[in-house]
Amino acid sequence: MNSRNPVLTTAIACAAMALAASAIGVALGHPRAGIALAAGLLVGSVNGYLAELAVGLGVAFLATSLGRLVALSAAGLGAGLLLGIDVAWLSLVGLAAAQFVLVAAAIGKVAQP
């Protein structure tokens, strides 16, 4: 896994965590909560791809960061709200978790000898 790019590593890890969150939610009798968390993870995993796209376009990275943050937060919260206001916050937890996964993957790539 060390040879993978951090964005791909993040997408794979978030997809696996989303499957686990959904399965655990169903197993515990709270499928909407598991799906909301999974939705946040999946939406959040797109951030790395969007950042790569912004860098490739030659647009100032800082200028696109706020736009990405707003767009991904709106998409994640929207997905959560589709499942119900009582579980919508879990989609934001999933978004945050995806960002931590991206940071960990990037640190792992930088720390390689």
PDB file of N, CA and C in Angstrom:
ATOM      1  N   MET A   1       0.820  -1.188   0.000  1.00  0.00           N
ATOM      2  CA  MET A   1       0.000   0.000   0.000  1.00  0.00           C
ATOM      3  C   MET A   1       0.865   1.254   0.000  1.00  0.00           C
ATOM      4  N   ASN A   2       2.131   1.148   0.336  1.00  0.00           N
ATOM      5  CA  ASN A   2       3.007   2.307   0.396  1.00  0.00           C
ATOM      6  C   ASN A   2       3.237   2.946  -0.968  1.00  0.00           C
ATOM      7  N   SER A   3       3.108   2.177  -2.049  1.00  0.00           N
ATOM      8  CA  SER A   3       3.380   2.733  -3.369  1.00  0.00           C
ATOM      9  C   SER A   3       2.180   3.482  -3.944  1.00  0.00           C
ATOM     10  N   ARG A   4       1.014   3.350  -3.320  1.00  0.00           N
ATOM     11  CA  ARG A   4      -0.172   4.020  -3.832  1.00  0.00           C
ATOM     12  C   ARG A   4      -0.123   5.509  -3.560  1.00  0.00           C
ATOM     13  N   ASN A   5      -0.831   6.227  -4.376  1.00  0.00           N
ATOM     14  CA  ASN A   5      -0.929   7.658  -4.144  1.00  0.00           C
ATOM     15  C   ASN A   5      -1.940   7.888  -3.018  1.00  0.00           C
ATOM     16  N   PRO A   6      -1.743   8.916  -2.202  1.00  0.00           N
ATOM     17  CA  PRO A   6      -2.587   9.135  -1.023  1.00  0.00           C
ATOM     18  C   PRO A   6      -4.068   9.323  -1.351  1.00  0.00           C
ATOM     19  N   VAL A   7      -4.346   9.886  -2.516  1.00  0.00           N
ATOM     20  CA  VAL A   7      -5.743  10.107  -2.894  1.00  0.00           C
ATOM     21  C   VAL A   7      -6.431   8.764  -3.150  1.00  0.00           C
ATOM     22  N   LEU A   8      -5.755   7.875  -3.849  1.00  0.00           N
ATOM     23  CA  LEU A   8      -6.312   6.550  -4.108  1.00  0.00           C
ATOM     24  C   LEU A   8      -6.428   5.753  -2.807  1.00  0.00           C
ATOM     25  N   THR A   9      -5.415   5.842  -1.967  1.00  0.00           N
ATOM     26  CA  THR A   9      -5.452   5.168  -0.670  1.00  0.00           C
ATOM     27  C   THR A   9      -6.636   5.647   0.150  1.00  0.00           C
ATOM     28  N   THR A  10      -6.876   6.952   0.126  1.00  0.00           N
ATOM     29  CA  THR A  10      -8.011   7.527   0.853  1.00  0.00           C
ATOM     30  C   THR A  10      -9.331   7.003   0.307  1.00  0.00           C
ATOM     31  N   ALA A  11      -9.465   6.977  -0.998  1.00  0.00           N
ATOM     32  CA  ALA A  11     -10.711   6.496  -1.603  1.00  0.00           C
ATOM     33  C   ALA A  11     -10.982   5.040  -1.235  1.00  0.00           C
ATOM     34  N   ILE A  12      -9.957   4.218  -1.287  1.00  0.00           N
ATOM     35  CA  ILE A  12     -10.121   2.801  -0.953  1.00  0.00           C
ATOM     36  C   ILE A  12     -10.462   2.628   0.525  1.00  0.00           C
ATOM     37  N   ALA A  13      -9.730   3.321   1.385  1.00  0.00           N
ATOM     38  CA  ALA A  13      -9.978   3.208   2.832  1.00  0.00           C
ATOM     39  C   ALA A  13     -11.365   3.719   3.192  1.00  0.00           C
ATOM     40  N   CYS A  14     -11.769   4.838   2.599  1.00  0.00           N
ATOM     41  CA  CYS A  14     -13.094   5.387   2.903  1.00  0.00           C
ATOM     42  C   CYS A  14     -14.213   4.488   2.386  1.00  0.00           C
ATOM     43  N   ALA A  15     -14.002   3.875   1.231  1.00  0.00           N
ATOM     44  CA  ALA A  15     -15.007   2.943   0.705  1.00  0.00           C
ATOM     45  C   ALA A  15     -15.151   1.738   1.639  1.00  0.00           C
ATOM     46  N   ALA A  16     -14.027   1.231   2.118  1.00  0.00           N
ATOM     47  CA  ALA A  16     -14.077   0.100   3.050  1.00  0.00           C
ATOM     48  C   ALA A  16     -14.744   0.505   4.357  1.00  0.00           C
ATOM     49  N   MET A  17     -14.410   1.682   4.862  1.00  0.00           N
ATOM     50  CA  MET A  17     -15.031   2.157   6.106  1.00  0.00           C
ATOM     51  C   MET A  17     -16.525   2.426   5.908  1.00  0.00           C
ATOM     52  N   ALA A  18     -16.914   2.884   4.717  1.00  0.00           N
ATOM     53  CA  ALA A  18     -18.330   3.123   4.427  1.00  0.00           C
ATOM     54  C   ALA A  18     -19.112   1.808   4.428  1.00  0.00           C
ATOM     55  N   LEU A  19     -18.530   0.784   3.839  1.00  0.00           N
ATOM     56  CA  LEU A  19     -19.179  -0.537   3.866  1.00  0.00           C
ATOM     57  C   LEU A  19     -19.327  -1.042   5.296  1.00  0.00           C
ATOM     58  N   ALA A  20     -18.274  -0.862   6.079  1.00  0.00           N
ATOM     59  CA  ALA A  20     -18.315  -1.295   7.476  1.00  0.00           C
ATOM     60  C   ALA A  20     -19.345  -0.505   8.262  1.00  0.00           C
ATOM     61  N   ALA A  21     -19.405   0.803   8.048  1.00  0.00           N
ATOM     62  CA  ALA A  21     -20.370   1.642   8.765  1.00  0.00           C
ATOM     63  C   ALA A  21     -21.799   1.232   8.427  1.00  0.00           C
ATOM     64  N   SER A  22     -22.044   0.967   7.168  1.00  0.00           N
ATOM     65  CA  SER A  22     -23.386   0.532   6.753  1.00  0.00           C
ATOM     66  C   SER A  22     -23.747  -0.809   7.382  1.00  0.00           C
ATOM     67  N   ALA A  23     -22.821  -1.748   7.334  1.00  0.00           N
ATOM     68  CA  ALA A  23     -23.075  -3.080   7.892  1.00  0.00           C
ATOM     69  C   ALA A  23     -23.287  -3.014   9.403  1.00  0.00           C
ATOM     70  N   ILE A  24     -22.469  -2.235  10.082  1.00  0.00           N
ATOM     71  CA  ILE A  24     -22.612  -2.112  11.540  1.00  0.00           C
ATOM     72  C   ILE A  24     -23.923  -1.427  11.878  1.00  0.00           C
ATOM     73  N   GLY A  25     -24.288  -0.392  11.118  1.00  0.00           N
ATOM     74  CA  GLY A  25     -25.563   0.281  11.347  1.00  0.00           C
ATOM     75  C   GLY A  25     -26.739  -0.666  11.207  1.00  0.00           C
ATOM     76  N   VAL A  26     -26.705  -1.489  10.167  1.00  0.00           N
ATOM     77  CA  VAL A  26     -27.774  -2.470   9.970  1.00  0.00           C
ATOM     78  C   VAL A  26     -27.774  -3.491  11.103  1.00  0.00           C
ATOM     79  N   ALA A  27     -26.597  -3.981  11.463  1.00  0.00           N
ATOM     80  CA  ALA A  27     -26.488  -4.995  12.518  1.00  0.00           C
ATOM     81  C   ALA A  27     -26.988  -4.472  13.866  1.00  0.00           C
ATOM     82  N   LEU A  28     -26.783  -3.191  14.121  1.00  0.00           N
ATOM     83  CA  LEU A  28     -27.216  -2.606  15.386  1.00  0.00           C
ATOM     84  C   LEU A  28     -28.653  -2.091  15.346  1.00  0.00           C
ATOM     85  N   GLY A  29     -29.296  -2.239  14.194  1.00  0.00           N
ATOM     86  CA  GLY A  29     -30.686  -1.811  14.078  1.00  0.00           C
ATOM     87  C   GLY A  29     -30.847  -0.333  13.776  1.00  0.00           C
ATOM     88  N   HIS A  30     -29.794   0.309  13.294  1.00  0.00           N
ATOM     89  CA  HIS A  30     -29.844   1.728  12.949  1.00  0.00           C
ATOM     90  C   HIS A  30     -29.276   1.934  11.543  1.00  0.00           C
ATOM     91  N   PRO A  31     -29.967   1.423  10.536  1.00  0.00           N
ATOM     92  CA  PRO A  31     -29.412   1.483   9.181  1.00  0.00           C
ATOM     93  C   PRO A  31     -29.230   2.906   8.659  1.00  0.00           C
ATOM     94  N   ARG A  32     -30.150   3.814   8.995  1.00  0.00           N
ATOM     95  CA  ARG A  32     -30.013   5.192   8.508  1.00  0.00           C
ATOM     96  C   ARG A  32     -28.762   5.860   9.062  1.00  0.00           C
ATOM     97  N   ALA A  33     -28.433   5.580  10.302  1.00  0.00           N
ATOM     98  CA  ALA A  33     -27.225   6.154  10.906  1.00  0.00           C
ATOM     99  C   ALA A  33     -25.982   5.629  10.201  1.00  0.00           C
ATOM    100  N   GLY A  34     -25.935   4.339   9.942  1.00  0.00           N
ATOM    101  CA  GLY A  34     -24.791   3.758   9.249  1.00  0.00           C
ATOM    102  C   GLY A  34     -24.647   4.291   7.839  1.00  0.00           C
ATOM    103  N   ILE A  35     -25.769   4.449   7.161  1.00  0.00           N
ATOM    104  CA  ILE A  35     -25.722   4.958   5.791  1.00  0.00           C
ATOM    105  C   ILE A  35     -25.327   6.429   5.776  1.00  0.00           C
ATOM    106  N   ALA A  36     -25.774   7.202   6.760  1.00  0.00           N
ATOM    107  CA  ALA A  36     -25.385   8.612   6.836  1.00  0.00           C
ATOM    108  C   ALA A  36     -23.877   8.744   7.038  1.00  0.00           C
ATOM    109  N   LEU A  37     -23.336   7.951   7.930  1.00  0.00           N
ATOM    110  CA  LEU A  37     -21.883   7.962   8.154  1.00  0.00           C
ATOM    111  C   LEU A  37     -21.153   7.535   6.885  1.00  0.00           C
ATOM    112  N   ALA A  38     -21.653   6.507   6.236  1.00  0.00           N
ATOM    113  CA  ALA A  38     -21.057   6.017   4.992  1.00  0.00           C
ATOM    114  C   ALA A  38     -21.102   7.090   3.904  1.00  0.00           C
ATOM    115  N   ALA A  39     -22.211   7.799   3.802  1.00  0.00           N
ATOM    116  CA  ALA A  39     -22.343   8.854   2.792  1.00  0.00           C
ATOM    117  C   ALA A  39     -21.303   9.945   3.025  1.00  0.00           C
ATOM    118  N   GLY A  40     -21.117  10.335   4.269  1.00  0.00           N
ATOM    119  CA  GLY A  40     -20.110  11.344   4.577  1.00  0.00           C
ATOM    120  C   GLY A  40     -18.712  10.883   4.216  1.00  0.00           C
ATOM    121  N   LEU A  41     -18.411   9.635   4.508  1.00  0.00           N
ATOM    122  CA  LEU A  41     -17.093   9.086   4.158  1.00  0.00           C
ATOM    123  C   LEU A  41     -16.870   9.112   2.649  1.00  0.00           C
ATOM    124  N   LEU A  42     -17.877   8.715   1.907  1.00  0.00           N
ATOM    125  CA  LEU A  42     -17.729   8.663   0.453  1.00  0.00           C
ATOM    126  C   LEU A  42     -17.629  10.057  -0.162  1.00  0.00           C
ATOM    127  N   VAL A  43     -18.468  10.971   0.315  1.00  0.00           N
ATOM    128  CA  VAL A  43     -18.403  12.343  -0.197  1.00  0.00           C
ATOM    129  C   VAL A  43     -17.063  12.973   0.174  1.00  0.00           C
ATOM    130  N   GLY A  44     -16.617  12.759   1.401  1.00  0.00           N
ATOM    131  CA  GLY A  44     -15.355  13.334   1.851  1.00  0.00           C
ATOM    132  C   GLY A  44     -14.148  12.793   1.109  1.00  0.00           C
ATOM    133  N   SER A  45     -14.232  11.563   0.649  1.00  0.00           N
ATOM    134  CA  SER A  45     -13.086  10.973  -0.056  1.00  0.00           C
ATOM    135  C   SER A  45     -12.840  11.636  -1.408  1.00  0.00           C
ATOM    136  N   VAL A  46     -13.798  12.382  -1.902  1.00  0.00           N
ATOM    137  CA  VAL A  46     -13.664  13.066  -3.190  1.00  0.00           C
ATOM    138  C   VAL A  46     -12.761  14.301  -3.069  1.00  0.00           C
ATOM    139  N   ASN A  47     -12.548  14.791  -1.857  1.00  0.00           N
ATOM    140  CA  ASN A  47     -11.769  16.011  -1.660  1.00  0.00           C
ATOM    141  C   ASN A  47     -10.368  15.922  -2.269  1.00  0.00           C
ATOM    142  N   GLY A  48      -9.711  14.816  -2.111  1.00  0.00           N
ATOM    143  CA  GLY A  48      -8.370  14.676  -2.677  1.00  0.00           C
ATOM    144  C   GLY A  48      -8.363  14.795  -4.186  1.00  0.00           C
ATOM    145  N   TYR A  49      -9.355  14.187  -4.838  1.00  0.00           N
ATOM    146  CA  TYR A  49      -9.444  14.280  -6.292  1.00  0.00           C
ATOM    147  C   TYR A  49      -9.705  15.714  -6.735  1.00  0.00           C
ATOM    148  N   LEU A  50     -10.582  16.408  -6.007  1.00  0.00           N
ATOM    149  CA  LEU A  50     -10.872  17.801  -6.341  1.00  0.00           C
ATOM    150  C   LEU A  50      -9.645  18.686  -6.131  1.00  0.00           C
ATOM    151  N   ALA A  51      -8.882  18.414  -5.094  1.00  0.00           N
ATOM    152  CA  ALA A  51      -7.661  19.182  -4.847  1.00  0.00           C
ATOM    153  C   ALA A  51      -6.650  18.951  -5.970  1.00  0.00           C
ATOM    154  N   GLU A  52      -6.503  17.706  -6.400  1.00  0.00           N
ATOM    155  CA  GLU A  52      -5.603  17.411  -7.523  1.00  0.00           C
ATOM    156  C   GLU A  52      -6.045  18.137  -8.783  1.00  0.00           C
ATOM    157  N   LEU A  53      -7.351  18.167  -9.012  1.00  0.00           N
ATOM    158  CA  LEU A  53      -7.888  18.859 -10.180  1.00  0.00           C
ATOM    159  C   LEU A  53      -7.579  20.348 -10.104  1.00  0.00           C
ATOM    160  N   ALA A  54      -7.751  20.939  -8.938  1.00  0.00           N
ATOM    161  CA  ALA A  54      -7.483  22.373  -8.768  1.00  0.00           C
ATOM    162  C   ALA A  54      -6.013  22.690  -9.018  1.00  0.00           C
ATOM    163  N   VAL A  55      -5.131  21.840  -8.521  1.00  0.00           N
ATOM    164  CA  VAL A  55      -3.695  22.054  -8.736  1.00  0.00           C
ATOM    165  C   VAL A  55      -3.373  21.919 -10.224  1.00  0.00           C
ATOM    166  N   GLY A  56      -3.989  20.945 -10.872  1.00  0.00           N
ATOM    167  CA  GLY A  56      -3.750  20.735 -12.299  1.00  0.00           C
ATOM    168  C   GLY A  56      -4.254  21.869 -13.169  1.00  0.00           C
ATOM    169  N   LEU A  57      -5.255  22.588 -12.707  1.00  0.00           N
ATOM    170  CA  LEU A  57      -5.801  23.703 -13.472  1.00  0.00           C
ATOM    171  C   LEU A  57      -4.944  24.961 -13.354  1.00  0.00           C
ATOM    172  N   GLY A  58      -4.045  24.953 -12.398  1.00  0.00           N
ATOM    173  CA  GLY A  58      -3.196  26.117 -12.208  1.00  0.00           C
ATOM    174  C   GLY A  58      -3.871  27.232 -11.430  1.00  0.00           C
ATOM    175  N   VAL A  59      -5.023  26.938 -10.850  1.00  0.00           N
ATOM    176  CA  VAL A  59      -5.745  27.919 -10.035  1.00  0.00           C
ATOM    177  C   VAL A  59      -5.107  27.917  -8.648  1.00  0.00           C
ATOM    178  N   ALA A  60      -5.114  29.063  -8.003  1.00  0.00           N
ATOM    179  CA  ALA A  60      -4.531  29.159  -6.660  1.00  0.00           C
ATOM    180  C   ALA A  60      -5.205  28.159  -5.732  1.00  0.00           C
ATOM    181  N   PHE A  61      -4.396  27.326  -5.092  1.00  0.00           N
ATOM    182  CA  PHE A  61      -4.910  26.269  -4.231  1.00  0.00           C
ATOM    183  C   PHE A  61      -5.752  26.841  -3.098  1.00  0.00           C
ATOM    184  N   LEU A  62      -5.286  27.920  -2.499  1.00  0.00           N
ATOM    185  CA  LEU A  62      -6.012  28.538  -1.392  1.00  0.00           C
ATOM    186  C   LEU A  62      -7.378  29.035  -1.845  1.00  0.00           C
ATOM    187  N   ALA A  63      -7.454  29.539  -3.055  1.00  0.00           N
ATOM    188  CA  ALA A  63      -8.718  30.061  -3.571  1.00  0.00           C
ATOM    189  C   ALA A  63      -9.752  28.956  -3.751  1.00  0.00           C
ATOM    190  N   THR A  64      -9.306  27.776  -4.090  1.00  0.00           N
ATOM    191  CA  THR A  64     -10.252  26.679  -4.317  1.00  0.00           C
ATOM    192  C   THR A  64     -10.591  25.918  -3.029  1.00  0.00           C
ATOM    193  N   SER A  65      -9.777  26.087  -2.003  1.00  0.00           N
ATOM    194  CA  SER A  65      -9.987  25.329  -0.769  1.00  0.00           C
ATOM    195  C   SER A  65     -11.335  25.624  -0.124  1.00  0.00           C
ATOM    196  N   LEU A  66     -11.678  26.885  -0.019  1.00  0.00           N
ATOM    197  CA  LEU A  66     -12.948  27.253   0.607  1.00  0.00           C
ATOM    198  C   LEU A  66     -14.121  26.737  -0.220  1.00  0.00           C
ATOM    199  N   GLY A  67     -14.009  26.837  -1.528  1.00  0.00           N
ATOM    200  CA  GLY A  67     -15.072  26.330  -2.398  1.00  0.00           C
ATOM    201  C   GLY A  67     -15.272  24.838  -2.237  1.00  0.00           C
ATOM    202  N   ARG A  68     -14.161  24.102  -2.158  1.00  0.00           N
ATOM    203  CA  ARG A  68     -14.260  22.649  -1.943  1.00  0.00           C
ATOM    204  C   ARG A  68     -14.900  22.353  -0.605  1.00  0.00           C
ATOM    205  N   LEU A  69     -14.477  23.071   0.425  1.00  0.00           N
ATOM    206  CA  LEU A  69     -15.016  22.857   1.768  1.00  0.00           C
ATOM    207  C   LEU A  69     -16.529  23.079   1.791  1.00  0.00           C
ATOM    208  N   VAL A  70     -16.964  24.153   1.193  1.00  0.00           N
ATOM    209  CA  VAL A  70     -18.397  24.470   1.166  1.00  0.00           C
ATOM    210  C   VAL A  70     -19.160  23.433   0.345  1.00  0.00           C
ATOM    211  N   ALA A  71     -18.655  23.105  -0.833  1.00  0.00           N
ATOM    212  CA  ALA A  71     -19.356  22.162  -1.705  1.00  0.00           C
ATOM    213  C   ALA A  71     -19.455  20.772  -1.081  1.00  0.00           C
ATOM    214  N   LEU A  72     -18.365  20.286  -0.524  1.00  0.00           N
ATOM    215  CA  LEU A  72     -18.387  18.955   0.076  1.00  0.00           C
ATOM    216  C   LEU A  72     -19.239  18.928   1.339  1.00  0.00           C
ATOM    217  N   SER A  73     -19.185  19.980   2.129  1.00  0.00           N
ATOM    218  CA  SER A  73     -20.018  20.040   3.338  1.00  0.00           C
ATOM    219  C   SER A  73     -21.494  20.057   2.967  1.00  0.00           C
ATOM    220  N   ALA A  74     -21.841  20.836   1.945  1.00  0.00           N
ATOM    221  CA  ALA A  74     -23.235  20.902   1.500  1.00  0.00           C
ATOM    222  C   ALA A  74     -23.694  19.547   0.956  1.00  0.00           C
ATOM    223  N   ALA A  75     -22.840  18.901   0.175  1.00  0.00           N
ATOM    224  CA  ALA A  75     -23.203  17.593  -0.390  1.00  0.00           C
ATOM    225  C   ALA A  75     -23.363  16.552   0.714  1.00  0.00           C
ATOM    226  N   GLY A  76     -22.431  16.536   1.652  1.00  0.00           N
ATOM    227  CA  GLY A  76     -22.519  15.575   2.757  1.00  0.00           C
ATOM    228  C   GLY A  76     -23.734  15.812   3.630  1.00  0.00           C
ATOM    229  N   LEU A  77     -23.963  17.068   3.979  1.00  0.00           N
ATOM    230  CA  LEU A  77     -25.118  17.385   4.817  1.00  0.00           C
ATOM    231  C   LEU A  77     -26.416  17.113   4.066  1.00  0.00           C
ATOM    232  N   GLY A  78     -26.423  17.407   2.771  1.00  0.00           N
ATOM    233  CA  GLY A  78     -27.611  17.110   1.961  1.00  0.00           C
ATOM    234  C   GLY A  78     -27.921  15.623   1.939  1.00  0.00           C
ATOM    235  N   ALA A  79     -26.893  14.815   1.780  1.00  0.00           N
ATOM    236  CA  ALA A  79     -27.087  13.358   1.797  1.00  0.00           C
ATOM    237  C   ALA A  79     -27.606  12.914   3.153  1.00  0.00           C
ATOM    238  N   GLY A  80     -27.057  13.492   4.208  1.00  0.00           N
ATOM    239  CA  GLY A  80     -27.528  13.150   5.551  1.00  0.00           C
ATOM    240  C   GLY A  80     -28.969  13.558   5.772  1.00  0.00           C
ATOM    241  N   LEU A  81     -29.336  14.740   5.291  1.00  0.00           N
ATOM    242  CA  LEU A  81     -30.706  15.218   5.471  1.00  0.00           C
ATOM    243  C   LEU A  81     -31.717  14.366   4.709  1.00  0.00           C
ATOM    244  N   LEU A  82     -31.283  13.786   3.596  1.00  0.00           N
ATOM    245  CA  LEU A  82     -32.171  12.879   2.865  1.00  0.00           C
ATOM    246  C   LEU A  82     -32.538  11.658   3.713  1.00  0.00           C
ATOM    247  N   LEU A  83     -31.657  11.309   4.618  1.00  0.00           N
ATOM    248  CA  LEU A  83     -31.889  10.159   5.493  1.00  0.00           C
ATOM    249  C   LEU A  83     -32.635  10.542   6.764  1.00  0.00           C
ATOM    250  N   GLY A  84     -32.663  11.814   7.077  1.00  0.00           N
ATOM    251  CA  GLY A  84     -33.383  12.291   8.256  1.00  0.00           C
ATOM    252  C   GLY A  84     -32.535  13.255   9.056  1.00  0.00           C
ATOM    253  N   ILE A  85     -33.187  14.260   9.596  1.00  0.00           N
ATOM    254  CA  ILE A  85     -32.460  15.290  10.328  1.00  0.00           C
ATOM    255  C   ILE A  85     -31.784  14.734  11.581  1.00  0.00           C
ATOM    256  N   ASP A  86     -32.344  13.670  12.132  1.00  0.00           N
ATOM    257  CA  ASP A  86     -31.769  13.084  13.349  1.00  0.00           C
ATOM    258  C   ASP A  86     -30.439  12.382  13.113  1.00  0.00           C
ATOM    259  N   VAL A  87     -30.144  11.994  11.879  1.00  0.00           N
ATOM    260  CA  VAL A  87     -28.869  11.320  11.579  1.00  0.00           C
ATOM    261  C   VAL A  87     -27.975  12.137  10.659  1.00  0.00           C
ATOM    262  N   ALA A  88     -28.422  13.316  10.258  1.00  0.00           N
ATOM    263  CA  ALA A  88     -27.665  14.134   9.304  1.00  0.00           C
ATOM    264  C   ALA A  88     -26.285  14.494   9.831  1.00  0.00           C
ATOM    265  N   TRP A  89     -26.167  14.696  11.125  1.00  0.00           N
ATOM    266  CA  TRP A  89     -24.871  15.071  11.705  1.00  0.00           C
ATOM    267  C   TRP A  89     -23.822  13.990  11.479  1.00  0.00           C
ATOM    268  N   LEU A  90     -24.253  12.746  11.355  1.00  0.00           N
ATOM    269  CA  LEU A  90     -23.300  11.661  11.131  1.00  0.00           C
ATOM    270  C   LEU A  90     -22.612  11.766   9.773  1.00  0.00           C
ATOM    271  N   SER A  91     -23.290  12.371   8.814  1.00  0.00           N
ATOM    272  CA  SER A  91     -22.636  12.560   7.514  1.00  0.00           C
ATOM    273  C   SER A  91     -21.467  13.543   7.645  1.00  0.00           C
ATOM    274  N   LEU A  92     -21.611  14.527   8.520  1.00  0.00           N
ATOM    275  CA  LEU A  92     -20.508  15.467   8.750  1.00  0.00           C
ATOM    276  C   LEU A  92     -19.360  14.788   9.495  1.00  0.00           C
ATOM    277  N   VAL A  93     -19.692  13.857  10.373  1.00  0.00           N
ATOM    278  CA  VAL A  93     -18.658  13.076  11.059  1.00  0.00           C
ATOM    279  C   VAL A  93     -17.885  12.253  10.015  1.00  0.00           C
ATOM    280  N   GLY A  94     -18.611  11.672   9.072  1.00  0.00           N
ATOM    281  CA  GLY A  94     -17.968  10.912   8.002  1.00  0.00           C
ATOM    282  C   GLY A  94     -17.066  11.786   7.135  1.00  0.00           C
ATOM    283  N   LEU A  95     -17.531  13.000   6.833  1.00  0.00           N
ATOM    284  CA  LEU A  95     -16.697  13.938   6.073  1.00  0.00           C
ATOM    285  C   LEU A  95     -15.397  14.230   6.810  1.00  0.00           C
ATOM    286  N   ALA A  96     -15.508  14.507   8.091  1.00  0.00           N
ATOM    287  CA  ALA A  96     -14.317  14.798   8.892  1.00  0.00           C
ATOM    288  C   ALA A  96     -13.379  13.594   8.937  1.00  0.00           C
ATOM    289  N   ALA A  97     -13.947  12.408   9.112  1.00  0.00           N
ATOM    290  CA  ALA A  97     -13.128  11.195   9.163  1.00  0.00           C
ATOM    291  C   ALA A  97     -12.375  10.996   7.850  1.00  0.00           C
ATOM    292  N   ALA A  98     -13.034  11.284   6.740  1.00  0.00           N
ATOM    293  CA  ALA A  98     -12.375  11.142   5.435  1.00  0.00           C
ATOM    294  C   ALA A  98     -11.184  12.088   5.322  1.00  0.00           C
ATOM    295  N   GLN A  99     -11.299  13.268   5.893  1.00  0.00           N
ATOM    296  CA  GLN A  99     -10.186  14.219   5.835  1.00  0.00           C
ATOM    297  C   GLN A  99      -9.016  13.733   6.680  1.00  0.00           C
ATOM    298  N   PHE A 100      -9.326  13.127   7.823  1.00  0.00           N
ATOM    299  CA  PHE A 100      -8.262  12.552   8.649  1.00  0.00           C
ATOM    300  C   PHE A 100      -7.566  11.397   7.916  1.00  0.00           C
ATOM    301  N   VAL A 101      -8.333  10.605   7.195  1.00  0.00           N
ATOM    302  CA  VAL A 101      -7.745   9.513   6.416  1.00  0.00           C
ATOM    303  C   VAL A 101      -6.825  10.084   5.331  1.00  0.00           C
ATOM    304  N   LEU A 102      -7.263  11.152   4.664  1.00  0.00           N
ATOM    305  CA  LEU A 102      -6.440  11.779   3.630  1.00  0.00           C
ATOM    306  C   LEU A 102      -5.139  12.314   4.220  1.00  0.00           C
ATOM    307  N   VAL A 103      -5.231  12.953   5.373  1.00  0.00           N
ATOM    308  CA  VAL A 103      -4.026  13.474   6.030  1.00  0.00           C
ATOM    309  C   VAL A 103      -3.087  12.327   6.403  1.00  0.00           C
ATOM    310  N   ALA A 104      -3.634  11.267   6.981  1.00  0.00           N
ATOM    311  CA  ALA A 104      -2.805  10.122   7.369  1.00  0.00           C
ATOM    312  C   ALA A 104      -2.136   9.488   6.152  1.00  0.00           C
ATOM    313  N   ALA A 105      -2.872   9.371   5.057  1.00  0.00           N
ATOM    314  CA  ALA A 105      -2.298   8.789   3.837  1.00  0.00           C
ATOM    315  C   ALA A 105      -1.200   9.679   3.280  1.00  0.00           C
ATOM    316  N   ALA A 106      -1.407  10.979   3.329  1.00  0.00           N
ATOM    317  CA  ALA A 106      -0.391  11.910   2.828  1.00  0.00           C
ATOM    318  C   ALA A 106       0.858  11.878   3.708  1.00  0.00           C
ATOM    319  N   ILE A 107       0.664  11.838   5.008  1.00  0.00           N
ATOM    320  CA  ILE A 107       1.812  11.753   5.919  1.00  0.00           C
ATOM    321  C   ILE A 107       2.567  10.447   5.682  1.00  0.00           C
ATOM    322  N   GLY A 108       1.831   9.380   5.492  1.00  0.00           N
ATOM    323  CA  GLY A 108       2.469   8.090   5.220  1.00  0.00           C
ATOM    324  C   GLY A 108       3.292   8.119   3.946  1.00  0.00           C
ATOM    325  N   LYS A 109       2.803   8.818   2.946  1.00  0.00           N
ATOM    326  CA  LYS A 109       3.534   8.919   1.683  1.00  0.00           C
ATOM    327  C   LYS A 109       4.787   9.781   1.846  1.00  0.00           C
ATOM    328  N   VAL A 110       4.675  10.866   2.571  1.00  0.00           N
ATOM    329  CA  VAL A 110       5.817  11.762   2.789  1.00  0.00           C
ATOM    330  C   VAL A 110       6.871  11.101   3.673  1.00  0.00           C
ATOM    331  N   ALA A 111       6.437  10.299   4.626  1.00  0.00           N
ATOM    332  CA  ALA A 111       7.352   9.669   5.573  1.00  0.00           C
ATOM    333  C   ALA A 111       8.104   8.477   4.988  1.00  0.00           C
ATOM    334  N   GLN A 112       7.753   8.071   3.778  1.00  0.00           N
ATOM    335  CA  GLN A 112       8.443   6.944   3.152  1.00  0.00           C
ATOM    336  C   GLN A 112       9.900   7.298   2.888  1.00  0.00           C
ATOM    337  N   PRO A 113      10.792   6.330   3.092  1.00  0.00           N
ATOM    338  CA  PRO A 113      12.214   6.595   2.820  1.00  0.00           C
ATOM    339  C   PRO A 113      12.507   6.694   1.335  1.00  0.00           C
TER     340      PRO A 113
END
